[in-house]
Amino acid sequence: MIAIFAAALVIFTGCSKKELDAQVIENKDGSVSITRIDEDGKAVLFNKKYAGAENVTQIKLSQATRANPVSIDLSAYEGKDVDIQFSCEMYIENKNSSNTNVIWMINELNENFPKLFERKVQNGKWFNVNKHLTIHLSGKRQLYVSGAGFDKDNTTIYIKNFKLLLTGEGLTKDAPQPVSWTDAPSIKEAYKDYFDYFGMCVSYNNTFHEELLQKGLPYQADCITPENEFKPDFIFGWGKPGKMTEFRGEDGKLYEVPAEIPNFKQMDSILSDMQKLGLKIRGHVLVWHSQTPIWFFQKNYGRSGETNFVNPDEMNARMEWYIKTVLEHVAKWEKENNNGEHIIFAWDVVNEAASDNASDANYLRDANSSNWFAIYNDVTFIVNAFRYANKYAPKDVKLVYNDYGCASVNKNKAICKIIDAIQAAPDARIDAAGMQTHIGINDSAVNFEKAVKNFLAKGINVQITEMDVANGSASYNAMKLKDCYKTYFKMFIENRKQPGKNGIEGITLWGVRDEWTWLNGMHKGHTQYPLLFRGENFTCKPAFFGVIEAAEEAE
């Protein structure tokens, strides 16, 4: 946009009334460039020379007719979500004082009158103003320097290099038309030099068979995560075991295990369909307190009405049998149907075992929220899961601990304790921490980055596994969502895995388009718009272009 601003400054250096009114440029990308402040009678003079600079705007406060004489009218953008890029240089002249408190702000009540700049500056020196802000303009608003605190009778303000860029949907008549995800840039191509993969969560049973979904997925992504279909409930098919067989546990004893389930018919269909589309899969999930049938933990598998849980030794055998059965089935399918090449390149071995209210002493989910903890009462089941996964998984398949709320200080510490315990077991392997990244639109990327670095310090990589951005009870703001995605993806790039250095190795978004998001069930009564695409045509939202821009602007 620099070239556009430069051209605009040349155009508007004259002083005819026609040119003074024409202060807005509609850009081809749908954005708006504003290159000068509004006129206020004799108070505002353009194209002046001052303090060694040309094209300076001079504002004599003693002649101003408005309370806030330095202002820009934004009323044309009422009702719009706008991303504001604003900069200028200022000089305050007042011989009666050495300092002045300068405030640039917008009179947007719903955003609590956001300030773009507030600082006590030294008079008689040029200083810079630079701000990026995303906001919804609910009425006829202005961007202005607050007149409060100025010595109006004795103050003159000088402004040069004034640049204001507004970006948002439908700001100009020539704004680009909506584009489908198959006609837009490819995210996986934009990020191929930064990450090993880019993926999306897909509900195989509910949405996968849409034609445009299957067409766009391999264009935009490298891989999928099945939303539910690889979880124990789905593998077991919600049926209690009938016929039994025996499995020898690591304690040398024989234990009963189901002979006729798991049923891998649906898993095989997913593997086959992804093979046809050229997509890889993140396996989700082997061990989880949720979506695992309770009979799996009960004596005699609850077949005769038993409700008591088995002891840890027997549960170890059941866990090992399950992990072995799933991983060996996948390996067999890949050998027979894919020349032994992996379609499943990573597994979430254990999911969401850390407590939301973690302390140093109690950092795991308790017996009330985890049947695994109810049996083991400590971290042993997590360590064993990674021991068994390491025993049966190919060495080049990534083993991941996956959880949400990773940016919370206490939960981050809890997950680090889990990682420590896994790494302390000589026959266990953990390759990455999976950060689900279910974030709110105002969540801090800085705090999230601290959590990333804590995991990297453990000598493992990070996978962004389930990213979406909830607007919660707030109204949807397209440009704020774009800013959030762009900010986070820039942070991901800065912390990417590089030769000889641990880092973020891949990103998965938890869903494809807004209408399918799970978040509407979490925020009932408040529609959520957390993803990059919307509608039956998978229309690219501004947030999609924010992700693309983050890659284009990366160093």
Protein backbone atom coordinates (compact mmCIF):
# COMPACT_ATOMS: atom_id res chain seq x y z
CA MET A 1 0.00 0.00 0.00
CA ILE A 2 2.98 2.36 0.21
CA ALA A 3 2.79 3.24 -3.45
CA ILE A 4 -0.89 4.07 -3.14
CA PHE A 5 -0.27 6.38 -0.20
CA ALA A 6 2.55 8.15 -2.02
CA ALA A 7 0.39 8.78 -5.04
CA ALA A 8 -2.42 10.05 -2.87
CA LEU A 9 -0.19 12.55 -1.12
CA VAL A 10 0.82 14.02 -4.46
CA ILE A 11 -2.76 14.27 -5.64
CA PHE A 12 -4.00 16.17 -2.63
CA THR A 13 -1.35 18.85 -2.17
CA GLY A 14 -3.37 21.55 -3.91
CA CYS A 15 -5.84 23.80 -2.14
CA SER A 16 -8.90 23.94 -4.41
CA LYS A 17 -12.19 23.09 -2.73
CA LYS A 18 -12.72 20.18 -5.09
CA GLU A 19 -9.41 18.59 -4.13
CA LEU A 20 -10.01 19.23 -0.41
CA ASP A 21 -13.28 17.29 -0.58
CA ALA A 22 -11.68 14.40 -2.48
CA GLN A 23 -9.70 12.93 0.38
CA VAL A 24 -10.72 9.28 -0.02
CA ILE A 25 -9.25 6.81 -2.52
CA GLU A 26 -10.99 3.51 -3.23
CA ASN A 27 -8.31 0.89 -3.83
CA LYS A 28 -8.66 -2.07 -6.15
CA ASP A 29 -8.41 -4.52 -3.26
CA GLY A 30 -11.57 -3.03 -1.71
CA SER A 31 -9.75 -1.01 0.94
CA VAL A 32 -9.93 2.75 1.43
CA SER A 33 -7.00 5.17 1.66
CA ILE A 34 -7.54 8.48 3.45
CA THR A 35 -4.61 10.85 3.21
CA ARG A 36 -5.63 14.06 4.93
CA ILE A 37 -7.65 15.35 7.85
CA ASP A 38 -10.95 17.20 7.53
CA GLU A 39 -10.91 20.94 6.99
CA ASP A 40 -12.00 23.22 9.85
CA GLY A 41 -12.28 26.72 8.41
CA LYS A 42 -9.16 28.80 8.90
CA ALA A 43 -7.78 26.45 11.53
CA VAL A 44 -6.49 23.84 9.07
CA LEU A 45 -3.97 24.76 6.38
CA PHE A 46 -2.53 22.22 3.95
CA ASN A 47 0.71 21.98 1.98
CA LYS A 48 2.77 24.08 4.37
CA LYS A 49 6.54 24.02 4.93
CA TYR A 50 7.67 23.72 8.51
CA ALA A 51 10.69 22.53 10.52
CA GLY A 52 12.50 21.36 7.41
CA ALA A 53 9.54 19.39 6.05
CA GLU A 54 7.17 19.92 3.12
CA ASN A 55 3.52 18.92 2.62
CA VAL A 56 2.83 19.70 6.27
CA THR A 57 -0.70 20.22 7.59
CA GLN A 58 -0.96 23.07 10.11
CA ILE A 59 -3.76 23.32 12.68
CA LYS A 60 -4.04 26.52 14.73
CA LEU A 61 -6.18 25.58 17.70
CA SER A 62 -6.97 29.24 18.48
CA GLN A 63 -8.92 29.46 15.19
CA ALA A 64 -10.66 26.10 15.40
CA THR A 65 -14.44 25.95 15.44
CA ARG A 66 -14.66 22.33 16.61
CA ALA A 67 -13.79 20.89 19.99
CA ASN A 68 -11.63 18.28 18.24
CA PRO A 69 -10.21 20.13 15.22
CA VAL A 70 -7.86 17.34 14.11
CA SER A 71 -10.43 14.81 12.86
CA ILE A 72 -11.29 12.39 10.09
CA ASP A 73 -14.91 11.60 9.28
CA LEU A 74 -15.62 7.86 9.26
CA SER A 75 -19.40 8.10 8.95
CA ALA A 76 -19.34 6.56 5.46
CA TYR A 77 -18.32 3.27 7.10
CA GLU A 78 -21.15 3.07 9.63
CA GLY A 79 -22.07 -0.52 10.42
CA LYS A 80 -18.80 -1.88 9.00
CA ASP A 81 -16.06 -4.01 10.53
CA VAL A 82 -12.81 -2.26 9.65
CA ASP A 83 -9.14 -2.96 10.09
CA ILE A 84 -7.34 0.36 10.60
CA GLN A 85 -3.70 0.99 9.76
CA PHE A 86 -2.84 4.52 10.86
CA SER A 87 0.38 6.52 10.96
CA CYS A 88 1.63 10.09 10.87
CA GLU A 89 4.31 12.36 12.30
CA MET A 90 3.37 15.22 14.61
CA TYR A 91 4.94 18.35 16.06
CA ILE A 92 3.42 20.42 18.89
CA GLU A 93 4.30 24.11 19.16
CA ASN A 94 3.53 25.90 22.43
CA LYS A 95 6.04 28.30 23.97
CA ASN A 96 4.20 28.31 27.29
CA SER A 97 4.75 24.61 28.06
CA SER A 98 7.32 21.92 27.41
CA ASN A 99 4.98 18.89 27.23
CA THR A 100 1.52 18.08 25.86
CA ASN A 101 -0.65 15.01 26.38
CA VAL A 102 -1.71 13.81 22.91
CA ILE A 103 -4.58 11.36 22.42
CA TRP A 104 -5.79 9.95 19.08
CA MET A 105 -9.09 8.11 19.53
CA ILE A 106 -12.37 7.02 17.92
CA ASN A 107 -15.71 7.94 19.46
CA GLU A 108 -17.02 4.37 19.31
CA LEU A 109 -19.05 3.91 22.47
CA ASN A 110 -19.45 0.14 22.07
CA GLU A 111 -15.66 -0.25 22.11
CA ASN A 112 -15.22 2.15 25.08
CA PHE A 113 -13.76 4.96 22.94
CA PRO A 114 -10.62 3.10 21.82
CA LYS A 115 -7.38 5.06 21.91
CA LEU A 116 -4.95 4.69 19.03
CA PHE A 117 -2.29 6.80 20.72
CA GLU A 118 -1.87 8.32 24.19
CA ARG A 119 1.40 9.84 25.30
CA LYS A 120 2.84 12.95 26.92
CA VAL A 121 5.16 14.28 24.21
CA GLN A 122 7.88 16.89 24.27
CA ASN A 123 6.87 20.07 22.47
CA GLY A 124 9.09 21.33 19.68
CA LYS A 125 10.08 17.86 18.40
CA TRP A 126 8.65 15.59 15.71
CA PHE A 127 7.24 12.31 17.04
CA ASN A 128 5.68 9.27 15.36
CA VAL A 129 2.14 7.93 15.67
CA ASN A 130 1.60 4.35 14.47
CA LYS A 131 -1.33 2.08 15.27
CA HIS A 132 -3.11 -1.03 14.03
CA LEU A 133 -6.69 -1.48 15.27
CA THR A 134 -9.69 -3.62 14.32
CA ILE A 135 -13.09 -2.26 15.23
CA HIS A 136 -16.80 -2.30 14.41
CA LEU A 137 -18.15 1.19 13.65
CA SER A 138 -21.68 1.08 15.02
CA GLY A 139 -22.58 4.67 14.08
CA LYS A 140 -21.31 7.81 12.36
CA ARG A 141 -17.86 7.95 13.92
CA GLN A 142 -14.72 10.06 13.79
CA LEU A 143 -11.01 9.45 14.27
CA TYR A 144 -9.62 12.50 16.02
CA VAL A 145 -7.10 14.08 18.36
CA SER A 146 -8.84 14.82 21.63
CA GLY A 147 -9.03 18.55 22.30
CA ALA A 148 -9.00 17.96 26.05
CA GLY A 149 -5.83 19.06 27.76
CA PHE A 150 -4.62 21.40 25.01
CA ASP A 151 -3.71 25.04 25.63
CA LYS A 152 -5.91 26.03 22.69
CA ASP A 153 -5.05 29.74 22.67
CA ASN A 154 -1.33 29.10 22.30
CA THR A 155 -0.98 25.75 20.53
CA THR A 156 -0.34 24.93 16.88
CA ILE A 157 -0.20 21.33 15.68
CA TYR A 158 1.77 20.20 12.62
CA ILE A 159 1.16 16.85 10.89
CA LYS A 160 3.05 15.23 8.01
CA ASN A 161 2.95 11.88 6.23
CA PHE A 162 -0.63 11.30 7.31
CA LYS A 163 -1.72 7.81 6.21
CA LEU A 164 -4.95 6.04 7.07
CA LEU A 165 -5.94 2.73 5.49
CA LEU A 166 -9.31 1.08 6.16
CA THR A 167 -9.81 -2.53 5.13
CA GLY A 168 -13.03 -4.46 5.43
CA GLU A 169 -15.80 -6.24 3.57
CA GLY A 170 -17.82 -4.06 1.23
CA LEU A 171 -16.09 -0.74 1.95
CA THR A 172 -15.94 0.24 -1.72
CA LYS A 173 -18.09 -0.30 -4.79
CA ASP A 174 -15.22 -2.08 -6.52
CA ALA A 175 -14.47 -4.48 -3.66
CA PRO A 176 -13.54 -7.99 -4.80
CA GLN A 177 -16.41 -10.45 -5.06
CA PRO A 178 -16.55 -13.46 -2.72
CA VAL A 179 -14.39 -16.35 -3.89
CA SER A 180 -14.73 -20.10 -3.30
CA TRP A 181 -11.90 -21.99 -1.63
CA THR A 182 -11.12 -23.81 -4.87
CA ASP A 183 -10.53 -20.49 -6.68
CA ALA A 184 -8.46 -18.84 -3.92
CA PRO A 185 -4.79 -19.27 -3.04
CA SER A 186 -3.86 -22.59 -1.42
CA ILE A 187 -2.95 -22.46 2.28
CA LYS A 188 -0.86 -25.63 2.08
CA GLU A 189 1.17 -24.11 -0.76
CA ALA A 190 1.54 -20.80 1.07
CA TYR A 191 2.95 -22.61 4.13
CA LYS A 192 4.90 -25.47 2.56
CA ASP A 193 8.22 -23.76 3.34
CA TYR A 194 7.28 -23.20 7.00
CA PHE A 195 5.54 -26.36 8.24
CA ASP A 196 5.46 -30.08 7.56
CA TYR A 197 1.72 -29.98 7.00
CA PHE A 198 -1.47 -27.94 7.14
CA GLY A 199 -4.68 -29.77 7.97
CA MET A 200 -8.35 -29.55 8.84
CA CYS A 201 -10.71 -31.54 11.02
CA VAL A 202 -13.41 -33.34 9.04
CA SER A 203 -16.52 -35.14 10.20
CA TYR A 204 -16.36 -38.17 7.92
CA ASN A 205 -19.88 -39.36 8.68
CA ASN A 206 -21.65 -36.00 8.41
CA THR A 207 -19.89 -33.79 5.86
CA PHE A 208 -17.05 -35.53 4.05
CA HIS A 209 -19.10 -36.73 1.09
CA GLU A 210 -19.99 -33.22 -0.11
CA GLU A 211 -18.51 -32.89 -3.59
CA LEU A 212 -17.04 -29.42 -3.10
CA LEU A 213 -15.52 -30.49 0.22
CA GLN A 214 -13.69 -33.36 -1.44
CA LYS A 215 -12.59 -31.08 -4.26
CA GLY A 216 -11.26 -28.32 -1.99
CA LEU A 217 -9.64 -30.37 0.79
CA PRO A 218 -6.66 -31.68 -1.19
CA TYR A 219 -6.19 -28.22 -2.71
CA GLN A 220 -6.11 -26.36 0.61
CA ALA A 221 -4.72 -29.01 2.99
CA ASP A 222 -2.18 -31.81 3.31
CA CYS A 223 -4.10 -33.86 5.84
CA ILE A 224 -7.25 -34.29 7.90
CA THR A 225 -8.05 -35.17 11.49
CA PRO A 226 -11.23 -37.29 11.71
CA GLU A 227 -13.44 -35.46 14.19
CA ASN A 228 -14.80 -38.58 15.91
CA GLU A 229 -14.31 -41.68 13.83
CA PHE A 230 -10.99 -42.85 15.32
CA LYS A 231 -12.09 -42.46 18.93
CA PRO A 232 -12.65 -45.64 21.00
CA ASP A 233 -16.46 -45.34 21.02
CA PHE A 234 -16.47 -45.41 17.23
CA ILE A 235 -13.86 -48.17 16.93
CA PHE A 236 -15.84 -50.33 19.36
CA GLY A 237 -19.10 -49.43 17.61
CA TRP A 238 -20.87 -48.88 20.95
CA GLY A 239 -21.28 -52.65 21.35
CA LYS A 240 -20.35 -54.71 24.37
CA PRO A 241 -17.99 -57.60 23.66
CA GLY A 242 -19.40 -61.08 23.24
CA LYS A 243 -16.84 -63.65 22.20
CA MET A 244 -13.57 -63.30 24.09
CA THR A 245 -9.95 -64.29 23.61
CA GLU A 246 -6.81 -63.97 25.73
CA PHE A 247 -3.99 -61.45 25.74
CA ARG A 248 -0.80 -61.76 27.75
CA GLY A 249 -0.07 -58.63 29.73
CA GLU A 250 3.39 -57.33 30.46
CA ASP A 251 3.10 -58.91 33.90
CA GLY A 252 3.07 -62.32 32.19
CA LYS A 253 -0.56 -63.09 33.04
CA LEU A 254 -3.34 -63.83 30.55
CA TYR A 255 -6.32 -61.49 30.48
CA GLU A 256 -9.61 -61.62 28.62
CA VAL A 257 -9.99 -59.20 25.71
CA PRO A 258 -12.70 -58.89 23.04
CA ALA A 259 -12.28 -61.25 20.09
CA GLU A 260 -14.69 -59.62 17.62
CA ILE A 261 -14.20 -55.91 18.21
CA PRO A 262 -12.73 -53.43 17.37
CA ASN A 263 -14.52 -53.15 14.03
CA PHE A 264 -12.26 -51.40 11.53
CA LYS A 265 -14.67 -51.22 8.60
CA GLN A 266 -15.13 -47.44 8.86
CA MET A 267 -11.44 -46.79 9.57
CA ASP A 268 -10.58 -48.71 6.42
CA SER A 269 -13.04 -46.61 4.40
CA ILE A 270 -11.43 -43.42 5.70
CA LEU A 271 -7.95 -44.70 4.92
CA SER A 272 -9.07 -45.64 1.40
CA ASP A 273 -10.77 -42.30 0.73
CA MET A 274 -7.81 -40.29 1.98
CA GLN A 275 -5.49 -42.38 -0.17
CA LYS A 276 -7.59 -41.52 -3.25
CA LEU A 277 -7.46 -37.81 -2.40
CA GLY A 278 -3.76 -37.83 -1.59
CA LEU A 279 -4.36 -36.71 2.00
CA LYS A 280 -2.59 -37.84 5.16
CA ILE A 281 -4.28 -38.35 8.55
CA ARG A 282 -3.59 -37.35 12.14
CA GLY A 283 -4.93 -40.20 14.29
CA HIS A 284 -7.20 -38.93 17.06
CA VAL A 285 -7.24 -40.51 19.67
CA LEU A 286 -6.03 -43.71 21.43
CA VAL A 287 -6.49 -42.98 25.17
CA TRP A 288 -9.11 -40.52 26.38
CA HIS A 289 -11.40 -40.26 29.37
CA SER A 290 -14.31 -39.30 27.09
CA GLN A 291 -15.89 -41.25 24.23
CA THR A 292 -14.52 -44.49 25.63
CA PRO A 293 -17.20 -47.02 26.74
CA ILE A 294 -17.41 -47.51 30.49
CA TRP A 295 -17.47 -51.28 30.11
CA PHE A 296 -13.87 -51.09 28.88
CA PHE A 297 -12.90 -50.26 32.50
CA GLN A 298 -15.29 -52.65 34.30
CA LYS A 299 -14.72 -56.16 35.55
CA ASN A 300 -15.87 -58.80 33.05
CA TYR A 301 -16.48 -55.81 30.69
CA GLY A 302 -19.76 -55.23 32.50
CA ARG A 303 -21.32 -58.19 30.70
CA SER A 304 -23.15 -59.47 33.77
CA GLY A 305 -23.98 -56.11 35.25
CA GLU A 306 -20.63 -55.58 36.97
CA THR A 307 -19.87 -51.93 37.72
CA ASN A 308 -16.60 -52.16 39.66
CA PHE A 309 -13.42 -51.24 37.83
CA VAL A 310 -10.53 -53.62 37.20
CA ASN A 311 -7.15 -53.19 38.89
CA PRO A 312 -4.24 -51.35 37.19
CA ASP A 313 -2.51 -54.58 36.04
CA GLU A 314 -5.57 -55.76 34.14
CA MET A 315 -6.19 -52.27 32.78
CA ASN A 316 -2.60 -52.20 31.52
CA ALA A 317 -3.31 -55.36 29.53
CA ARG A 318 -6.52 -53.93 28.09
CA MET A 319 -4.81 -50.68 27.15
CA GLU A 320 -1.86 -52.43 25.55
CA TRP A 321 -4.17 -54.79 23.66
CA TYR A 322 -6.23 -51.89 22.32
CA ILE A 323 -3.25 -49.77 21.24
CA LYS A 324 -1.54 -52.82 19.69
CA THR A 325 -4.71 -53.85 17.84
CA VAL A 326 -5.33 -50.38 16.36
CA LEU A 327 -1.74 -49.63 15.39
CA GLU A 328 -1.07 -53.06 13.92
CA HIS A 329 -4.28 -52.90 11.88
CA VAL A 330 -3.23 -49.57 10.41
CA ALA A 331 0.24 -50.90 9.60
CA LYS A 332 -1.27 -53.96 7.91
CA TRP A 333 -3.64 -51.84 5.83
CA GLU A 334 -0.83 -49.52 4.76
CA LYS A 335 1.35 -52.49 3.80
CA GLU A 336 -1.39 -54.17 1.78
CA ASN A 337 -2.88 -51.07 0.16
CA ASN A 338 -0.28 -48.29 0.18
CA ASN A 339 3.09 -49.99 -0.34
CA GLY A 340 3.78 -49.63 3.36
CA GLU A 341 3.79 -45.83 3.19
CA HIS A 342 2.10 -44.14 6.12
CA ILE A 343 -1.24 -42.45 5.66
CA ILE A 344 -1.51 -41.91 9.42
CA PHE A 345 1.63 -39.92 10.23
CA ALA A 346 0.83 -38.98 13.85
CA TRP A 347 -1.32 -40.14 16.76
CA ASP A 348 -2.76 -38.28 19.71
CA VAL A 349 -1.79 -41.02 22.14
CA VAL A 350 -3.39 -39.41 25.21
CA ASN A 351 -5.92 -36.60 25.12
CA GLU A 352 -6.88 -34.04 27.78
CA ALA A 353 -5.53 -35.70 30.92
CA ALA A 354 -4.40 -32.51 32.69
CA SER A 355 -6.66 -30.82 35.21
CA ASP A 356 -8.30 -27.49 34.41
CA ASN A 357 -7.58 -26.51 38.02
CA ALA A 358 -4.07 -27.88 38.18
CA SER A 359 -1.80 -27.43 41.16
CA ASP A 360 1.69 -28.74 41.84
CA ALA A 361 0.28 -31.60 43.89
CA ASN A 362 -2.83 -32.38 41.81
CA TYR A 363 -2.24 -31.77 38.14
CA LEU A 364 -4.32 -34.55 36.53
CA ARG A 365 -8.05 -34.97 36.06
CA ASP A 366 -9.50 -36.67 39.13
CA ALA A 367 -11.56 -39.86 39.48
CA ASN A 368 -14.80 -37.93 39.00
CA SER A 369 -13.86 -36.85 35.48
CA SER A 370 -11.57 -39.66 34.30
CA ASN A 371 -12.11 -43.42 34.55
CA TRP A 372 -8.43 -43.83 33.75
CA PHE A 373 -7.46 -41.83 36.84
CA ALA A 374 -10.07 -43.67 38.92
CA ILE A 375 -8.15 -46.91 38.27
CA TYR A 376 -4.55 -45.67 38.40
CA ASN A 377 -4.81 -42.60 40.66
CA ASP A 378 -1.59 -41.20 39.15
CA VAL A 379 0.26 -40.49 35.90
CA THR A 380 1.11 -44.15 35.25
CA PHE A 381 -1.64 -44.72 32.67
CA ILE A 382 -0.33 -41.83 30.56
CA VAL A 383 3.24 -43.10 30.69
CA ASN A 384 2.09 -46.62 29.84
CA ALA A 385 0.08 -45.38 26.89
CA PHE A 386 3.22 -43.83 25.42
CA ARG A 387 5.22 -46.94 26.24
CA TYR A 388 2.75 -49.14 24.36
CA ALA A 389 2.40 -46.70 21.49
CA ASN A 390 6.19 -46.61 21.13
CA LYS A 391 6.26 -50.43 21.18
CA TYR A 392 3.78 -50.85 18.32
CA ALA A 393 3.93 -47.67 16.24
CA PRO A 394 6.48 -47.21 13.43
CA LYS A 395 9.38 -45.06 14.63
CA ASP A 396 8.61 -42.35 12.07
CA VAL A 397 4.98 -41.96 13.22
CA LYS A 398 4.74 -39.04 15.65
CA LEU A 399 3.41 -39.70 19.14
CA VAL A 400 1.62 -36.70 20.67
CA TYR A 401 0.15 -35.64 23.99
CA ASN A 402 -2.85 -33.41 23.15
CA ASP A 403 -4.72 -30.93 25.37
CA TYR A 404 -6.64 -27.66 25.45
CA GLY A 405 -6.05 -24.53 27.54
CA CYS A 406 -2.30 -24.88 27.10
CA ALA A 407 -1.71 -21.13 27.50
CA SER A 408 -3.06 -21.22 31.05
CA VAL A 409 -0.04 -20.94 33.33
CA ASN A 410 -1.07 -23.69 35.75
CA LYS A 411 -2.30 -26.06 33.07
CA ASN A 412 0.87 -25.48 31.06
CA LYS A 413 2.88 -26.50 34.11
CA ALA A 414 0.68 -29.57 34.51
CA ILE A 415 1.26 -30.67 30.91
CA CYS A 416 4.99 -30.12 31.36
CA LYS A 417 4.84 -32.48 34.36
CA ILE A 418 3.13 -35.07 32.16
CA ILE A 419 5.82 -34.67 29.51
CA ASP A 420 8.52 -35.07 32.18
CA ALA A 421 6.95 -38.31 33.38
CA ILE A 422 6.77 -39.74 29.86
CA GLN A 423 10.35 -38.76 29.09
CA ALA A 424 11.55 -40.36 32.33
CA ALA A 425 10.36 -43.80 31.15
CA PRO A 426 13.18 -45.36 29.06
CA ASP A 427 10.81 -47.28 26.78
CA ALA A 428 8.33 -44.44 26.21
CA ARG A 429 8.46 -41.91 23.38
CA ILE A 430 6.79 -38.51 22.99
CA ASP A 431 7.54 -36.46 19.88
CA ALA A 432 5.25 -33.45 20.22
CA ALA A 433 2.86 -31.55 22.43
CA GLY A 434 -0.48 -31.04 20.73
CA MET A 435 -1.92 -27.60 21.48
CA GLN A 436 -5.61 -27.62 20.65
CA THR A 437 -5.80 -23.81 20.31
CA HIS A 438 -9.53 -23.37 20.89
CA ILE A 439 -9.09 -19.66 21.55
CA GLY A 440 -11.27 -16.59 22.00
CA ILE A 441 -11.05 -13.70 19.60
CA ASN A 442 -9.37 -11.49 22.20
CA ASP A 443 -6.94 -14.08 23.58
CA SER A 444 -3.30 -13.08 23.75
CA ALA A 445 -0.91 -14.58 21.21
CA VAL A 446 1.92 -13.46 23.49
CA ASN A 447 0.74 -15.72 26.33
CA PHE A 448 0.20 -18.56 23.88
CA GLU A 449 3.74 -18.15 22.57
CA LYS A 450 5.11 -18.48 26.11
CA ALA A 451 3.35 -21.83 26.40
CA VAL A 452 4.81 -22.93 23.05
CA LYS A 453 8.32 -22.11 24.24
CA ASN A 454 7.79 -24.02 27.50
CA PHE A 455 6.97 -27.16 25.51
CA LEU A 456 9.85 -26.66 23.11
CA ALA A 457 12.21 -26.40 26.09
CA LYS A 458 11.34 -30.04 26.81
CA GLY A 459 13.12 -31.06 23.61
CA ILE A 460 9.97 -31.93 21.67
CA ASN A 461 8.06 -30.23 18.88
CA VAL A 462 4.62 -28.61 18.96
CA GLN A 463 1.62 -29.38 16.78
CA ILE A 464 -1.29 -26.92 16.57
CA THR A 465 -4.01 -29.56 16.56
CA GLU A 466 -7.50 -28.05 16.86
CA MET A 467 -7.48 -24.35 16.10
CA ASP A 468 -10.65 -22.28 15.95
CA VAL A 469 -11.50 -18.78 17.19
CA ALA A 470 -14.73 -18.24 19.14
CA ASN A 471 -16.43 -14.84 19.20
CA GLY A 472 -18.30 -15.99 22.32
CA SER A 473 -21.16 -13.69 23.31
CA ALA A 474 -19.82 -10.87 21.13
CA SER A 475 -21.08 -10.14 17.63
CA TYR A 476 -19.08 -11.46 14.72
CA ASN A 477 -16.44 -9.01 13.51
CA ALA A 478 -14.92 -10.20 10.25
CA MET A 479 -11.86 -7.97 10.45
CA LYS A 480 -11.17 -8.76 14.10
CA LEU A 481 -11.23 -12.45 13.25
CA LYS A 482 -8.84 -11.79 10.36
CA ASP A 483 -6.49 -9.88 12.65
CA CYS A 484 -6.57 -12.70 15.22
CA TYR A 485 -5.75 -15.42 12.68
CA LYS A 486 -3.03 -13.32 11.08
CA THR A 487 -1.44 -12.53 14.44
CA TYR A 488 -1.41 -16.16 15.55
CA PHE A 489 -0.12 -17.50 12.23
CA LYS A 490 2.69 -14.96 12.26
CA MET A 491 3.59 -16.21 15.73
CA PHE A 492 3.43 -19.82 14.51
CA ILE A 493 5.85 -19.00 11.69
CA GLU A 494 8.27 -17.30 14.07
CA ASN A 495 8.31 -20.44 16.23
CA ARG A 496 8.39 -22.98 13.39
CA LYS A 497 10.55 -26.07 13.44
CA GLN A 498 13.89 -25.50 11.72
CA PRO A 499 17.01 -27.61 11.15
CA GLY A 500 18.61 -28.32 14.52
CA LYS A 501 15.83 -26.52 16.36
CA ASN A 502 12.55 -27.71 17.86
CA GLY A 503 9.46 -25.78 16.90
CA ILE A 504 5.91 -25.87 15.60
CA GLU A 505 5.81 -28.51 12.89
CA GLY A 506 2.20 -28.38 11.70
CA ILE A 507 -1.19 -26.71 12.02
CA THR A 508 -4.71 -28.18 11.97
CA LEU A 509 -7.93 -26.14 12.04
CA TRP A 510 -10.83 -27.71 13.92
CA GLY A 511 -13.37 -27.65 11.13
CA VAL A 512 -13.81 -26.45 7.58
CA ARG A 513 -16.67 -23.96 7.50
CA ASP A 514 -18.59 -22.01 10.12
CA GLU A 515 -21.91 -23.80 9.74
CA TRP A 516 -20.39 -27.08 10.98
CA THR A 517 -18.54 -25.78 14.03
CA TRP A 518 -18.94 -27.55 17.35
CA LEU A 519 -18.71 -24.18 19.11
CA ASN A 520 -22.38 -23.31 18.61
CA GLY A 521 -23.14 -26.04 21.13
CA MET A 522 -20.67 -24.47 23.55
CA HIS A 523 -22.07 -20.93 23.16
CA LYS A 524 -25.80 -21.54 22.90
CA GLY A 525 -27.74 -18.48 21.82
CA HIS A 526 -24.65 -16.88 20.28
CA THR A 527 -23.79 -17.96 16.76
CA GLN A 528 -20.08 -18.59 16.27
CA TYR A 529 -18.01 -17.76 13.19
CA PRO A 530 -14.66 -19.35 14.08
CA LEU A 531 -13.23 -20.64 10.80
CA LEU A 532 -11.87 -19.49 7.43
CA PHE A 533 -14.76 -20.49 5.15
CA ARG A 534 -18.53 -20.20 5.15
CA GLY A 535 -21.55 -21.24 3.10
CA GLU A 536 -22.20 -24.04 0.65
CA ASN A 537 -19.62 -22.61 -1.76
CA PHE A 538 -16.93 -22.57 0.96
CA THR A 539 -16.53 -18.83 0.53
CA CYS A 540 -13.23 -17.42 1.76
CA LYS A 541 -13.69 -15.04 4.69
CA PRO A 542 -11.31 -12.14 5.42
CA ALA A 543 -9.70 -14.42 8.02
CA PHE A 544 -8.60 -16.73 5.18
CA PHE A 545 -6.75 -13.88 3.52
CA GLY A 546 -5.24 -12.96 6.89
CA VAL A 547 -3.68 -16.43 7.00
CA ILE A 548 -2.37 -16.02 3.45
CA GLU A 549 -1.00 -12.55 4.25
CA ALA A 550 0.85 -13.88 7.30
CA ALA A 551 2.77 -16.26 5.04
CA GLU A 552 3.40 -13.61 2.38
CA GLU A 553 4.72 -11.12 4.91
CA ALA A 554 6.95 -13.56 6.80
CA GLU A 555 10.68 -12.96 6.71
